[in-house]
Amino acid sequence: MKEKKKKSNYDLLDKNPDNWRGPFYFNPNDSRIIVPKKYKYMGYTLNFGNIFTYLVLAGIIILIVMIAFLQT
């Protein structure tokens, strides 16, 4: 029963227009890193209000650079 309540709370966060900066979702109060886009049929986006989003992006960039560097 609690999961439904929690999920509906997340749905409210997604639909709040104050949490969207153009195509970017920015809500430091939302603990999720990956969130559905404004229109759910369009896929997912990152929560740029969460510090872990930047760590994940930095990790991906470092991994790509390391792979490119090791192949040369």
Foldseek 3Di string as FASTA:
>chain_A
DVVVVVVVVLVVLQQPPVQDDDFAGEDLVDADQWDATNPNVVDIDGHPNHPVNVVVVVVVVVVVVVVVVVVD
